[in-house]
PDB file of N, CA and C in Angstrom:
ATOM      1  N   MET A   1      38.593  10.376 -84.272  1.00  0.00           N
ATOM      2  CA  MET A   1      39.924  11.020 -84.450  1.00  0.00           C
ATOM      3  C   MET A   1      40.094  11.771 -82.935  1.00  0.00           C
ATOM      4  N   SER A   2      39.044  12.268 -82.617  1.00  0.00           N
ATOM      5  CA  SER A   2      39.385  13.191 -81.134  1.00  0.00           C
ATOM      6  C   SER A   2      39.642  12.186 -80.115  1.00  0.00           C
ATOM      7  N   ILE A   3      39.039  10.734 -79.962  1.00  0.00           N
ATOM      8  CA  ILE A   3      39.122   9.733 -79.277  1.00  0.00           C
ATOM      9  C   ILE A   3      40.375   9.414 -79.071  1.00  0.00           C
ATOM     10  N   LEU A   4      40.939   9.053 -80.320  1.00  0.00           N
ATOM     11  CA  LEU A   4      42.510   8.600 -80.340  1.00  0.00           C
ATOM     12  C   LEU A   4      43.352   9.730 -80.037  1.00  0.00           C
ATOM     13  N   TYR A   5      43.162  10.957 -80.196  1.00  0.00           N
ATOM     14  CA  TYR A   5      43.999  12.002 -79.450  1.00  0.00           C
ATOM     15  C   TYR A   5      43.936  12.033 -78.168  1.00  0.00           C
ATOM     16  N   LEU A   6      42.667  12.163 -77.550  1.00  0.00           N
ATOM     17  CA  LEU A   6      42.396  11.921 -76.134  1.00  0.00           C
ATOM     18  C   LEU A   6      43.389  10.816 -75.614  1.00  0.00           C
ATOM     19  N   LYS A   7      43.097   9.572 -75.985  1.00  0.00           N
ATOM     20  CA  LYS A   7      43.823   8.577 -75.720  1.00  0.00           C
ATOM     21  C   LYS A   7      45.384   8.583 -75.798  1.00  0.00           C
ATOM     22  N   LYS A   8      45.858   9.037 -76.704  1.00  0.00           N
ATOM     23  CA  LYS A   8      47.313   9.444 -76.551  1.00  0.00           C
ATOM     24  C   LYS A   8      47.764  10.173 -75.887  1.00  0.00           C
ATOM     25  N   ASN A   9      47.131  11.493 -75.711  1.00  0.00           N
ATOM     26  CA  ASN A   9      47.604  12.510 -74.843  1.00  0.00           C
ATOM     27  C   ASN A   9      47.192  12.191 -73.210  1.00  0.00           C
ATOM     28  N   LEU A  10      46.327  11.498 -72.931  1.00  0.00           N
ATOM     29  CA  LEU A  10      45.904  11.414 -71.661  1.00  0.00           C
ATOM     30  C   LEU A  10      46.263   9.916 -71.078  1.00  0.00           C
ATOM     31  N   SER A  11      47.131   9.328 -71.891  1.00  0.00           N
ATOM     32  CA  SER A  11      47.445   7.884 -71.443  1.00  0.00           C
ATOM     33  C   SER A  11      48.414   8.048 -70.156  1.00  0.00           C
ATOM     34  N   ILE A  12      49.123   9.113 -69.937  1.00  0.00           N
ATOM     35  CA  ILE A  12      50.214   9.287 -68.891  1.00  0.00           C
ATOM     36  C   ILE A  12      49.148   9.182 -67.505  1.00  0.00           C
ATOM     37  N   LEU A  13      47.910   9.935 -67.702  1.00  0.00           N
ATOM     38  CA  LEU A  13      47.339   9.962 -66.499  1.00  0.00           C
ATOM     39  C   LEU A  13      46.266   8.802 -65.893  1.00  0.00           C
ATOM     40  N   TYR A  14      46.162   7.911 -67.074  1.00  0.00           N
ATOM     41  CA  TYR A  14      45.006   6.836 -66.754  1.00  0.00           C
ATOM     42  C   TYR A  14      45.758   5.332 -66.921  1.00  0.00           C
ATOM     43  N   ASN A  15      46.882   5.267 -67.602  1.00  0.00           N
ATOM     44  CA  ASN A  15      47.480   3.894 -67.870  1.00  0.00           C
ATOM     45  C   ASN A  15      48.030   3.611 -66.633  1.00  0.00           C
ATOM     46  N   LYS A  16      48.539   4.405 -65.730  1.00  0.00           N
ATOM     47  CA  LYS A  16      49.615   3.802 -64.676  1.00  0.00           C
ATOM     48  C   LYS A  16      48.459   3.307 -63.742  1.00  0.00           C
ATOM     49  N   GLN A  17      48.946   2.167 -63.175  1.00  0.00           N
ATOM     50  CA  GLN A  17      48.179   1.301 -62.098  1.00  0.00           C
ATOM     51  C   GLN A  17      48.209   2.017 -60.777  1.00  0.00           C
ATOM     52  N   PRO A  18      46.966   2.229 -60.294  1.00  0.00           N
ATOM     53  CA  PRO A  18      46.684   3.134 -59.069  1.00  0.00           C
ATOM     54  C   PRO A  18      47.428   2.417 -57.845  1.00  0.00           C
ATOM     55  N   SER A  19      47.928   3.169 -56.865  1.00  0.00           N
ATOM     56  CA  SER A  19      48.643   2.785 -55.610  1.00  0.00           C
ATOM     57  C   SER A  19      47.770   2.048 -54.611  1.00  0.00           C
ATOM     58  N   GLU A  20      48.132   1.341 -54.053  1.00  0.00           N
ATOM     59  CA  GLU A  20      47.425   0.452 -53.145  1.00  0.00           C
ATOM     60  C   GLU A  20      46.604   1.560 -52.001  1.00  0.00           C
ATOM     61  N   SER A  21      47.250   2.671 -51.400  1.00  0.00           N
ATOM     62  CA  SER A  21      46.768   3.803 -50.648  1.00  0.00           C
ATOM     63  C   SER A  21      45.551   4.316 -51.463  1.00  0.00           C
ATOM     64  N   PHE A  22      45.950   4.670 -52.694  1.00  0.00           N
ATOM     65  CA  PHE A  22      44.633   5.470 -53.395  1.00  0.00           C
ATOM     66  C   PHE A  22      43.468   4.422 -53.375  1.00  0.00           C
ATOM     67  N   LEU A  23      43.589   3.020 -53.729  1.00  0.00           N
ATOM     68  CA  LEU A  23      42.616   2.273 -53.696  1.00  0.00           C
ATOM     69  C   LEU A  23      42.007   2.026 -52.355  1.00  0.00           C
ATOM     70  N   LEU A  24      42.630   2.207 -51.445  1.00  0.00           N
ATOM     71  CA  LEU A  24      42.224   2.052 -49.973  1.00  0.00           C
ATOM     72  C   LEU A  24      41.169   3.362 -49.700  1.00  0.00           C
ATOM     73  N   SER A  25      41.737   4.704 -50.065  1.00  0.00           N
ATOM     74  CA  SER A  25      41.140   5.808 -49.804  1.00  0.00           C
ATOM     75  C   SER A  25      39.922   5.874 -50.647  1.00  0.00           C
ATOM     76  N   LEU A  26      39.889   5.244 -52.065  1.00  0.00           N
ATOM     77  CA  LEU A  26      38.614   4.975 -52.811  1.00  0.00           C
ATOM     78  C   LEU A  26      37.569   4.390 -52.075  1.00  0.00           C
ATOM     79  N   GLY A  27      38.000   3.220 -51.639  1.00  0.00           N
ATOM     80  CA  GLY A  27      37.014   2.408 -50.993  1.00  0.00           C
ATOM     81  C   GLY A  27      36.464   3.002 -49.753  1.00  0.00           C
ATOM     82  N   ILE A  28      37.264   3.895 -48.786  1.00  0.00           N
ATOM     83  CA  ILE A  28      36.674   4.739 -47.883  1.00  0.00           C
ATOM     84  C   ILE A  28      35.628   5.729 -48.233  1.00  0.00           C
ATOM     85  N   LEU A  29      36.248   6.325 -49.438  1.00  0.00           N
ATOM     86  CA  LEU A  29      35.328   7.387 -50.000  1.00  0.00           C
ATOM     87  C   LEU A  29      33.939   6.985 -50.494  1.00  0.00           C
ATOM     88  N   LEU A  30      33.939   5.699 -51.052  1.00  0.00           N
ATOM     89  CA  LEU A  30      32.871   5.101 -51.572  1.00  0.00           C
ATOM     90  C   LEU A  30      31.870   4.551 -50.481  1.00  0.00           C
ATOM     91  N   GLY A  31      32.584   4.097 -49.518  1.00  0.00           N
ATOM     92  CA  GLY A  31      31.991   3.577 -48.101  1.00  0.00           C
ATOM     93  C   GLY A  31      31.199   4.650 -47.691  1.00  0.00           C
ATOM     94  N   GLY A  32      31.887   5.797 -47.323  1.00  0.00           N
ATOM     95  CA  GLY A  32      31.342   6.944 -46.631  1.00  0.00           C
ATOM     96  C   GLY A  32      30.236   7.880 -47.497  1.00  0.00           C
ATOM     97  N   THR A  33      30.529   7.657 -48.762  1.00  0.00           N
ATOM     98  CA  THR A  33      29.277   8.349 -49.603  1.00  0.00           C
ATOM     99  C   THR A  33      28.272   7.385 -49.478  1.00  0.00           C
ATOM    100  N   SER A  34      28.118   6.023 -49.768  1.00  0.00           N
ATOM    101  CA  SER A  34      27.207   5.346 -49.810  1.00  0.00           C
ATOM    102  C   SER A  34      26.462   5.199 -48.351  1.00  0.00           C
ATOM    103  N   ILE A  35      27.082   5.225 -47.139  1.00  0.00           N
ATOM    104  CA  ILE A  35      26.308   5.376 -46.030  1.00  0.00           C
ATOM    105  C   ILE A  35      25.727   6.545 -45.826  1.00  0.00           C
ATOM    106  N   THR A  36      26.277   7.674 -46.374  1.00  0.00           N
ATOM    107  CA  THR A  36      25.550   9.094 -46.171  1.00  0.00           C
ATOM    108  C   THR A  36      24.456   9.038 -47.011  1.00  0.00           C
ATOM    109  N   ILE A  37      24.292   8.454 -48.069  1.00  0.00           N
ATOM    110  CA  ILE A  37      23.131   8.434 -49.108  1.00  0.00           C
ATOM    111  C   ILE A  37      22.109   7.713 -48.508  1.00  0.00           C
ATOM    112  N   LEU A  38      22.583   6.466 -47.963  1.00  0.00           N
ATOM    113  CA  LEU A  38      21.563   5.485 -47.353  1.00  0.00           C
ATOM    114  C   LEU A  38      20.945   6.111 -46.398  1.00  0.00           C
ATOM    115  N   SER A  39      21.700   6.655 -45.326  1.00  0.00           N
ATOM    116  CA  SER A  39      20.980   7.475 -44.213  1.00  0.00           C
ATOM    117  C   SER A  39      20.178   8.696 -44.582  1.00  0.00           C
ATOM    118  N   ASN A  40      20.411   9.384 -45.485  1.00  0.00           N
ATOM    119  CA  ASN A  40      19.598  10.387 -46.157  1.00  0.00           C
ATOM    120  C   ASN A  40      18.303   9.809 -46.759  1.00  0.00           C
ATOM    121  N   LEU A  41      18.279   8.575 -47.402  1.00  0.00           N
ATOM    122  CA  LEU A  41      17.162   8.138 -47.944  1.00  0.00           C
ATOM    123  C   LEU A  41      16.363   7.440 -46.778  1.00  0.00           C
ATOM    124  N   PHE A  42      16.965   7.052 -45.771  1.00  0.00           N
ATOM    125  CA  PHE A  42      16.303   6.626 -44.700  1.00  0.00           C
ATOM    126  C   PHE A  42      15.245   7.615 -43.953  1.00  0.00           C
ATOM    127  N   PHE A  43      15.748   8.750 -43.960  1.00  0.00           N
ATOM    128  CA  PHE A  43      15.257   9.867 -43.447  1.00  0.00           C
ATOM    129  C   PHE A  43      14.534  10.717 -44.401  1.00  0.00           C
ATOM    130  N   GLY A  44      14.406  10.322 -45.617  1.00  0.00           N
ATOM    131  CA  GLY A  44      13.426  10.886 -46.525  1.00  0.00           C
ATOM    132  C   GLY A  44      13.919  12.081 -47.266  1.00  0.00           C
ATOM    133  N   ASN A  45      15.281  12.310 -47.212  1.00  0.00           N
ATOM    134  CA  ASN A  45      15.518  13.577 -48.164  1.00  0.00           C
ATOM    135  C   ASN A  45      17.049  13.166 -48.811  1.00  0.00           C
ATOM    136  N   LEU A  46      16.986  13.424 -49.824  1.00  0.00           N
ATOM    137  CA  LEU A  46      18.270  13.139 -50.592  1.00  0.00           C
ATOM    138  C   LEU A  46      19.112  14.470 -51.193  1.00  0.00           C
ATOM    139  N   GLU A  47      20.043  14.959 -50.494  1.00  0.00           N
ATOM    140  CA  GLU A  47      20.649  16.166 -50.872  1.00  0.00           C
ATOM    141  C   GLU A  47      21.819  16.158 -51.758  1.00  0.00           C
ATOM    142  N   GLN A  48      22.037  16.883 -52.862  1.00  0.00           N
ATOM    143  CA  GLN A  48      22.617  16.873 -54.009  1.00  0.00           C
ATOM    144  C   GLN A  48      24.081  17.302 -53.302  1.00  0.00           C
ATOM    145  N   ILE A  49      24.249  17.992 -52.393  1.00  0.00           N
ATOM    146  CA  ILE A  49      25.761  18.378 -51.714  1.00  0.00           C
ATOM    147  C   ILE A  49      26.639  17.442 -51.567  1.00  0.00           C
ATOM    148  N   TYR A  50      25.961  16.164 -50.981  1.00  0.00           N
ATOM    149  CA  TYR A  50      26.941  15.119 -50.615  1.00  0.00           C
ATOM    150  C   TYR A  50      27.433  14.331 -51.847  1.00  0.00           C
ATOM    151  N   PHE A  51      26.951  14.375 -53.059  1.00  0.00           N
ATOM    152  CA  PHE A  51      27.579  13.961 -54.375  1.00  0.00           C
ATOM    153  C   PHE A  51      28.742  14.911 -54.634  1.00  0.00           C
ATOM    154  N   LEU A  52      28.110  16.177 -54.434  1.00  0.00           N
ATOM    155  CA  LEU A  52      29.366  17.054 -54.965  1.00  0.00           C
ATOM    156  C   LEU A  52      30.550  17.036 -53.943  1.00  0.00           C
ATOM    157  N   TYR A  53      30.240  16.864 -52.718  1.00  0.00           N
ATOM    158  CA  TYR A  53      31.538  16.731 -51.955  1.00  0.00           C
ATOM    159  C   TYR A  53      32.470  15.432 -52.199  1.00  0.00           C
ATOM    160  N   ALA A  54      31.599  14.342 -52.584  1.00  0.00           N
ATOM    161  CA  ALA A  54      32.248  13.056 -52.591  1.00  0.00           C
ATOM    162  C   ALA A  54      33.011  13.341 -53.966  1.00  0.00           C
ATOM    163  N   LEU A  55      32.568  14.082 -55.045  1.00  0.00           N
ATOM    164  CA  LEU A  55      33.545  14.096 -56.366  1.00  0.00           C
ATOM    165  C   LEU A  55      34.663  15.161 -56.016  1.00  0.00           C
ATOM    166  N   PHE A  56      34.426  16.166 -55.101  1.00  0.00           N
ATOM    167  CA  PHE A  56      35.626  17.001 -54.858  1.00  0.00           C
ATOM    168  C   PHE A  56      36.387  16.254 -54.240  1.00  0.00           C
ATOM    169  N   THR A  57      36.094  15.250 -53.245  1.00  0.00           N
ATOM    170  CA  THR A  57      37.292  14.505 -52.449  1.00  0.00           C
ATOM    171  C   THR A  57      37.761  13.521 -53.503  1.00  0.00           C
ATOM    172  N   TRP A  58      37.228  12.953 -54.386  1.00  0.00           N
ATOM    173  CA  TRP A  58      37.661  12.273 -55.787  1.00  0.00           C
ATOM    174  C   TRP A  58      38.629  13.062 -56.327  1.00  0.00           C
ATOM    175  N   LEU A  59      38.599  14.349 -56.805  1.00  0.00           N
ATOM    176  CA  LEU A  59      39.440  15.339 -57.232  1.00  0.00           C
ATOM    177  C   LEU A  59      40.653  15.259 -56.723  1.00  0.00           C
ATOM    178  N   TRP A  60      40.543  15.788 -55.170  1.00  0.00           N
ATOM    179  CA  TRP A  60      41.561  15.855 -54.420  1.00  0.00           C
ATOM    180  C   TRP A  60      42.496  14.600 -54.156  1.00  0.00           C
ATOM    181  N   LEU A  61      41.918  13.498 -54.143  1.00  0.00           N
ATOM    182  CA  LEU A  61      42.552  12.122 -54.124  1.00  0.00           C
ATOM    183  C   LEU A  61      43.305  12.104 -55.375  1.00  0.00           C
ATOM    184  N   ARG A  62      42.920  12.402 -56.591  1.00  0.00           N
ATOM    185  CA  ARG A  62      43.167  12.242 -57.803  1.00  0.00           C
ATOM    186  C   ARG A  62      44.522  13.032 -57.809  1.00  0.00           C
ATOM    187  N   LEU A  63      44.331  14.338 -57.457  1.00  0.00           N
ATOM    188  CA  LEU A  63      45.656  15.403 -57.610  1.00  0.00           C
ATOM    189  C   LEU A  63      46.760  14.848 -56.887  1.00  0.00           C
ATOM    190  N   ILE A  64      46.673  14.301 -55.671  1.00  0.00           N
ATOM    191  CA  ILE A  64      47.652  13.535 -54.861  1.00  0.00           C
ATOM    192  C   ILE A  64      48.196  12.723 -55.368  1.00  0.00           C
ATOM    193  N   GLU A  65      47.598  11.642 -55.888  1.00  0.00           N
ATOM    194  CA  GLU A  65      48.034  10.594 -56.724  1.00  0.00           C
ATOM    195  C   GLU A  65      48.845  10.800 -57.804  1.00  0.00           C
ATOM    196  N   LEU A  66      48.085  11.701 -58.750  1.00  0.00           N
ATOM    197  CA  LEU A  66      49.006  12.097 -59.962  1.00  0.00           C
ATOM    198  C   LEU A  66      50.461  12.822 -59.687  1.00  0.00           C
ATOM    199  N   SER A  67      50.186  13.653 -58.625  1.00  0.00           N
ATOM    200  CA  SER A  67      51.555  14.376 -58.034  1.00  0.00           C
ATOM    201  C   SER A  67      52.367  13.588 -57.797  1.00  0.00           C
ATOM    202  N   PHE A  68      52.102  12.235 -56.998  1.00  0.00           N
ATOM    203  CA  PHE A  68      52.893  11.600 -56.524  1.00  0.00           C
ATOM    204  C   PHE A  68      53.715  10.723 -57.305  1.00  0.00           C
ATOM    205  N   ASN A  69      52.881  10.224 -58.108  1.00  0.00           N
ATOM    206  CA  ASN A  69      53.333   9.389 -59.374  1.00  0.00           C
ATOM    207  C   ASN A  69      54.309   9.966 -60.091  1.00  0.00           C
ATOM    208  N   PHE A  70      54.118  11.404 -60.542  1.00  0.00           N
ATOM    209  CA  PHE A  70      55.010  12.308 -61.175  1.00  0.00           C
ATOM    210  C   PHE A  70      56.205  12.398 -60.466  1.00  0.00           C
ATOM    211  N   LEU A  71      56.267  12.636 -59.082  1.00  0.00           N
ATOM    212  CA  LEU A  71      57.280  13.101 -58.260  1.00  0.00           C
ATOM    213  C   LEU A  71      58.270  12.015 -57.783  1.00  0.00           C
ATOM    214  N   ILE A  72      57.501  10.850 -57.835  1.00  0.00           N
ATOM    215  CA  ILE A  72      58.202   9.535 -57.357  1.00  0.00           C
ATOM    216  C   ILE A  72      59.505   9.121 -58.308  1.00  0.00           C
ATOM    217  N   LYS A  73      59.443   9.774 -59.625  1.00  0.00           N
ATOM    218  CA  LYS A  73      60.523   9.258 -60.530  1.00  0.00           C
ATOM    219  C   LYS A  73      61.769  10.197 -60.217  1.00  0.00           C
ATOM    220  N   LYS A  74      61.318  11.456 -59.674  1.00  0.00           N
ATOM    221  CA  LYS A  74      62.662  12.097 -59.230  1.00  0.00           C
ATOM    222  C   LYS A  74      63.182  12.261 -58.058  1.00  0.00           C
ATOM    223  N   ASN A  75      62.144  11.933 -56.935  1.00  0.00           N
ATOM    224  CA  ASN A  75      62.815  11.744 -55.684  1.00  0.00           C
ATOM    225  C   ASN A  75      62.448  10.561 -54.790  1.00  0.00           C
ATOM    226  N   ASN A  76      62.716  10.661 -53.701  1.00  0.00           N
ATOM    227  CA  ASN A  76      62.433   9.482 -52.728  1.00  0.00           C
ATOM    228  C   ASN A  76      61.045   9.296 -52.290  1.00  0.00           C
ATOM    229  N   LYS A  77      60.450   8.340 -51.823  1.00  0.00           N
ATOM    230  CA  LYS A  77      59.050   8.410 -51.513  1.00  0.00           C
ATOM    231  C   LYS A  77      58.551   9.285 -50.466  1.00  0.00           C
ATOM    232  N   LEU A  78      59.476   9.544 -49.407  1.00  0.00           N
ATOM    233  CA  LEU A  78      58.962  10.465 -48.505  1.00  0.00           C
ATOM    234  C   LEU A  78      58.847  11.757 -48.958  1.00  0.00           C
ATOM    235  N   LEU A  79      59.775  12.154 -49.618  1.00  0.00           N
ATOM    236  CA  LEU A  79      59.747  13.715 -50.164  1.00  0.00           C
ATOM    237  C   LEU A  79      58.611  13.690 -51.107  1.00  0.00           C
ATOM    238  N   ALA A  80      58.481  12.643 -51.964  1.00  0.00           N
ATOM    239  CA  ALA A  80      57.453  12.754 -53.049  1.00  0.00           C
ATOM    240  C   ALA A  80      56.040  12.919 -52.282  1.00  0.00           C
ATOM    241  N   PHE A  81      55.515  12.150 -51.218  1.00  0.00           N
ATOM    242  CA  PHE A  81      54.542  12.111 -50.496  1.00  0.00           C
ATOM    243  C   PHE A  81      54.248  13.397 -49.860  1.00  0.00           C
ATOM    244  N   SER A  82      55.376  14.158 -49.233  1.00  0.00           N
ATOM    245  CA  SER A  82      55.076  15.283 -48.762  1.00  0.00           C
ATOM    246  C   SER A  82      54.987  16.401 -49.792  1.00  0.00           C
ATOM    247  N   LEU A  83      55.374  16.218 -50.924  1.00  0.00           N
ATOM    248  CA  LEU A  83      55.311  17.071 -52.109  1.00  0.00           C
ATOM    249  C   LEU A  83      53.690  17.071 -52.612  1.00  0.00           C
ATOM    250  N   SER A  84      53.473  15.869 -52.666  1.00  0.00           N
ATOM    251  CA  SER A  84      52.173  15.730 -53.354  1.00  0.00           C
ATOM    252  C   SER A  84      51.080  16.334 -52.462  1.00  0.00           C
ATOM    253  N   TRP A  85      51.357  16.290 -51.027  1.00  0.00           N
ATOM    254  CA  TRP A  85      50.174  16.930 -50.146  1.00  0.00           C
ATOM    255  C   TRP A  85      50.115  18.308 -50.419  1.00  0.00           C
ATOM    256  N   LEU A  86      51.544  18.815 -50.639  1.00  0.00           N
ATOM    257  CA  LEU A  86      51.690  20.233 -50.542  1.00  0.00           C
ATOM    258  C   LEU A  86      50.885  20.890 -51.721  1.00  0.00           C
ATOM    259  N   PHE A  87      51.219  20.318 -52.954  1.00  0.00           N
ATOM    260  CA  PHE A  87      50.637  20.808 -54.087  1.00  0.00           C
ATOM    261  C   PHE A  87      49.089  21.366 -53.902  1.00  0.00           C
ATOM    262  N   PRO A  88      48.216  20.152 -53.884  1.00  0.00           N
ATOM    263  CA  PRO A  88      46.839  20.840 -53.642  1.00  0.00           C
ATOM    264  C   PRO A  88      46.594  21.977 -52.513  1.00  0.00           C
ATOM    265  N   ILE A  89      47.358  21.866 -51.523  1.00  0.00           N
ATOM    266  CA  ILE A  89      47.263  23.026 -50.292  1.00  0.00           C
ATOM    267  C   ILE A  89      47.647  24.151 -50.840  1.00  0.00           C
ATOM    268  N   LEU A  90      48.802  24.092 -51.513  1.00  0.00           N
ATOM    269  CA  LEU A  90      49.278  25.589 -52.054  1.00  0.00           C
ATOM    270  C   LEU A  90      48.255  26.064 -53.284  1.00  0.00           C
ATOM    271  N   LEU A  91      47.724  25.179 -53.920  1.00  0.00           N
ATOM    272  CA  LEU A  91      46.785  25.527 -55.035  1.00  0.00           C
ATOM    273  C   LEU A  91      45.713  26.113 -54.294  1.00  0.00           C
ATOM    274  N   ILE A  92      45.030  25.778 -53.547  1.00  0.00           N
ATOM    275  CA  ILE A  92      44.031  26.176 -52.641  1.00  0.00           C
ATOM    276  C   ILE A  92      44.467  27.669 -52.113  1.00  0.00           C
ATOM    277  N   CYS A  93      45.667  27.731 -51.544  1.00  0.00           N
ATOM    278  CA  CYS A  93      46.134  28.961 -50.838  1.00  0.00           C
ATOM    279  C   CYS A  93      46.365  30.076 -51.887  1.00  0.00           C
ATOM    280  N   LEU A  94      46.631  29.706 -53.031  1.00  0.00           N
ATOM    281  CA  LEU A  94      47.205  30.648 -54.227  1.00  0.00           C
ATOM    282  C   LEU A  94      45.702  31.217 -54.713  1.00  0.00           C
ATOM    283  N   LEU A  95      44.776  30.345 -54.865  1.00  0.00           N
ATOM    284  CA  LEU A  95      43.397  30.701 -55.458  1.00  0.00           C
ATOM    285  C   LEU A  95      42.758  31.826 -54.314  1.00  0.00           C
ATOM    286  N   GLY A  96      42.898  31.457 -52.971  1.00  0.00           N
ATOM    287  CA  GLY A  96      42.652  32.320 -51.984  1.00  0.00           C
ATOM    288  C   GLY A  96      43.227  33.679 -52.115  1.00  0.00           C
ATOM    289  N   LEU A  97      44.601  33.530 -52.373  1.00  0.00           N
ATOM    290  CA  LEU A  97      45.364  34.867 -52.360  1.00  0.00           C
ATOM    291  C   LEU A  97      44.859  35.758 -53.560  1.00  0.00           C
ATOM    292  N   PHE A  98      44.605  35.096 -54.545  1.00  0.00           N
ATOM    293  CA  PHE A  98      44.007  35.928 -55.803  1.00  0.00           C
ATOM    294  C   PHE A  98      42.799  36.222 -55.802  1.00  0.00           C
ATOM    295  N   HIS A  99      41.994  35.993 -54.953  1.00  0.00           N
ATOM    296  CA  HIS A  99      40.460  35.967 -54.772  1.00  0.00           C
ATOM    297  C   HIS A  99      39.740  35.242 -56.014  1.00  0.00           C
ATOM    298  N   ILE A 100      40.358  34.228 -56.301  1.00  0.00           N
ATOM    299  CA  ILE A 100      39.533  33.364 -57.259  1.00  0.00           C
ATOM    300  C   ILE A 100      38.597  32.374 -56.814  1.00  0.00           C
ATOM    301  N   ASP A 101      37.218  32.339 -57.172  1.00  0.00           N
ATOM    302  CA  ASP A 101      36.179  31.601 -56.557  1.00  0.00           C
ATOM    303  C   ASP A 101      35.978  30.508 -57.755  1.00  0.00           C
ATOM    304  N   LEU A 102      36.225  29.125 -57.185  1.00  0.00           N
ATOM    305  CA  LEU A 102      35.761  28.222 -58.096  1.00  0.00           C
ATOM    306  C   LEU A 102      34.660  27.712 -57.530  1.00  0.00           C
ATOM    307  N   PRO A 103      33.428  27.486 -58.100  1.00  0.00           N
ATOM    308  CA  PRO A 103      32.241  27.015 -57.517  1.00  0.00           C
ATOM    309  C   PRO A 103      32.431  25.390 -57.436  1.00  0.00           C
ATOM    310  N   ILE A 104      31.572  24.959 -56.266  1.00  0.00           N
ATOM    311  CA  ILE A 104      31.894  23.511 -56.182  1.00  0.00           C
ATOM    312  C   ILE A 104      31.110  22.710 -57.450  1.00  0.00           C
ATOM    313  N   TYR A 105      30.073  23.262 -58.086  1.00  0.00           N
ATOM    314  CA  TYR A 105      29.849  22.577 -59.286  1.00  0.00           C
ATOM    315  C   TYR A 105      30.800  22.553 -60.432  1.00  0.00           C
ATOM    316  N   PHE A 106      31.530  23.322 -60.416  1.00  0.00           N
ATOM    317  CA  PHE A 106      32.635  23.211 -61.567  1.00  0.00           C
ATOM    318  C   PHE A 106      33.567  22.348 -61.109  1.00  0.00           C
ATOM    319  N   LEU A 107      34.019  22.355 -60.056  1.00  0.00           N
ATOM    320  CA  LEU A 107      35.020  21.406 -59.349  1.00  0.00           C
ATOM    321  C   LEU A 107      34.460  19.921 -59.626  1.00  0.00           C
ATOM    322  N   ALA A 108      33.016  19.795 -59.196  1.00  0.00           N
ATOM    323  CA  ALA A 108      32.337  18.445 -59.276  1.00  0.00           C
ATOM    324  C   ALA A 108      32.421  17.783 -60.816  1.00  0.00           C
ATOM    325  N   LEU A 109      32.233  19.020 -61.807  1.00  0.00           N
ATOM    326  CA  LEU A 109      32.082  18.503 -63.191  1.00  0.00           C
ATOM    327  C   LEU A 109      33.563  18.137 -63.723  1.00  0.00           C
ATOM    328  N   ILE A 110      34.481  18.653 -63.334  1.00  0.00           N
ATOM    329  CA  ILE A 110      36.014  18.271 -63.684  1.00  0.00           C
ATOM    330  C   ILE A 110      36.330  16.862 -62.887  1.00  0.00           C
ATOM    331  N   ALA A 111      35.756  16.784 -61.802  1.00  0.00           N
ATOM    332  CA  ALA A 111      35.790  15.264 -61.077  1.00  0.00           C
ATOM    333  C   ALA A 111      35.245  14.396 -61.631  1.00  0.00           C
ATOM    334  N   ALA A 112      33.741  14.763 -62.292  1.00  0.00           N
ATOM    335  CA  ALA A 112      33.040  13.739 -62.631  1.00  0.00           C
ATOM    336  C   ALA A 112      33.671  13.158 -64.020  1.00  0.00           C
ATOM    337  N   ILE A 113      34.304  14.118 -64.807  1.00  0.00           N
ATOM    338  CA  ILE A 113      34.955  13.801 -66.079  1.00  0.00           C
ATOM    339  C   ILE A 113      36.015  12.983 -65.847  1.00  0.00           C
ATOM    340  N   ASP A 114      36.682  13.316 -64.862  1.00  0.00           N
ATOM    341  CA  ASP A 114      38.108  12.383 -64.549  1.00  0.00           C
ATOM    342  C   ASP A 114      37.591  11.112 -63.851  1.00  0.00           C
ATOM    343  N   PHE A 115      36.528  11.250 -63.159  1.00  0.00           N
ATOM    344  CA  PHE A 115      35.813   9.986 -62.623  1.00  0.00           C
ATOM    345  C   PHE A 115      35.592   8.994 -63.666  1.00  0.00           C
ATOM    346  N   SER A 116      34.882   9.555 -64.827  1.00  0.00           N
ATOM    347  CA  SER A 116      34.436   8.581 -66.025  1.00  0.00           C
ATOM    348  C   SER A 116      35.699   8.317 -66.794  1.00  0.00           C
ATOM    349  N   PHE A 117      36.728   9.022 -67.009  1.00  0.00           N
ATOM    350  CA  PHE A 117      37.765   8.705 -67.723  1.00  0.00           C
ATOM    351  C   PHE A 117      38.685   7.431 -66.998  1.00  0.00           C
ATOM    352  N   PHE A 118      38.636   7.664 -65.716  1.00  0.00           N
ATOM    353  CA  PHE A 118      39.280   6.633 -64.927  1.00  0.00           C
ATOM    354  C   PHE A 118      38.923   5.353 -64.896  1.00  0.00           C
ATOM    355  N   PHE A 119      37.505   5.177 -64.681  1.00  0.00           N
ATOM    356  CA  PHE A 119      36.907   3.732 -64.735  1.00  0.00           C
ATOM    357  C   PHE A 119      36.499   3.547 -65.897  1.00  0.00           C
ATOM    358  N   PHE A 120      36.484   4.112 -67.380  1.00  0.00           N
ATOM    359  CA  PHE A 120      36.055   3.701 -68.601  1.00  0.00           C
ATOM    360  C   PHE A 120      37.210   3.664 -69.428  1.00  0.00           C
ATOM    361  N   ASN A 121      38.376   3.919 -68.899  1.00  0.00           N
ATOM    362  CA  ASN A 121      39.778   4.009 -69.832  1.00  0.00           C
ATOM    363  C   ASN A 121      40.222   2.762 -69.559  1.00  0.00           C
TER     364      ASN A 121
END
């Protein structure tokens, strides 16, 4: 029952075909993360922070992609692109204005859940 509910309500976020620029950004993200992890393994230490920042970058890219897809229906592409970049930046500024601290672990958890829904849906 809950899986059907999630599929129905989250279909807006996950049924749309990702844009070409998002796929290119995803390739760069995966390439950079894999090079960082391989170089750390070569030098003998693997730090968790690289996974967390990769997931945070995934979350940033998804916010931009989702807001762009939402805004493109109402505006032209140039305005939608500008506003889609403005949304996450304003969100970070407002969190700082109100002194709200979100730990990187919390953001990485949200990104990991979104990542799993994105690839397994």
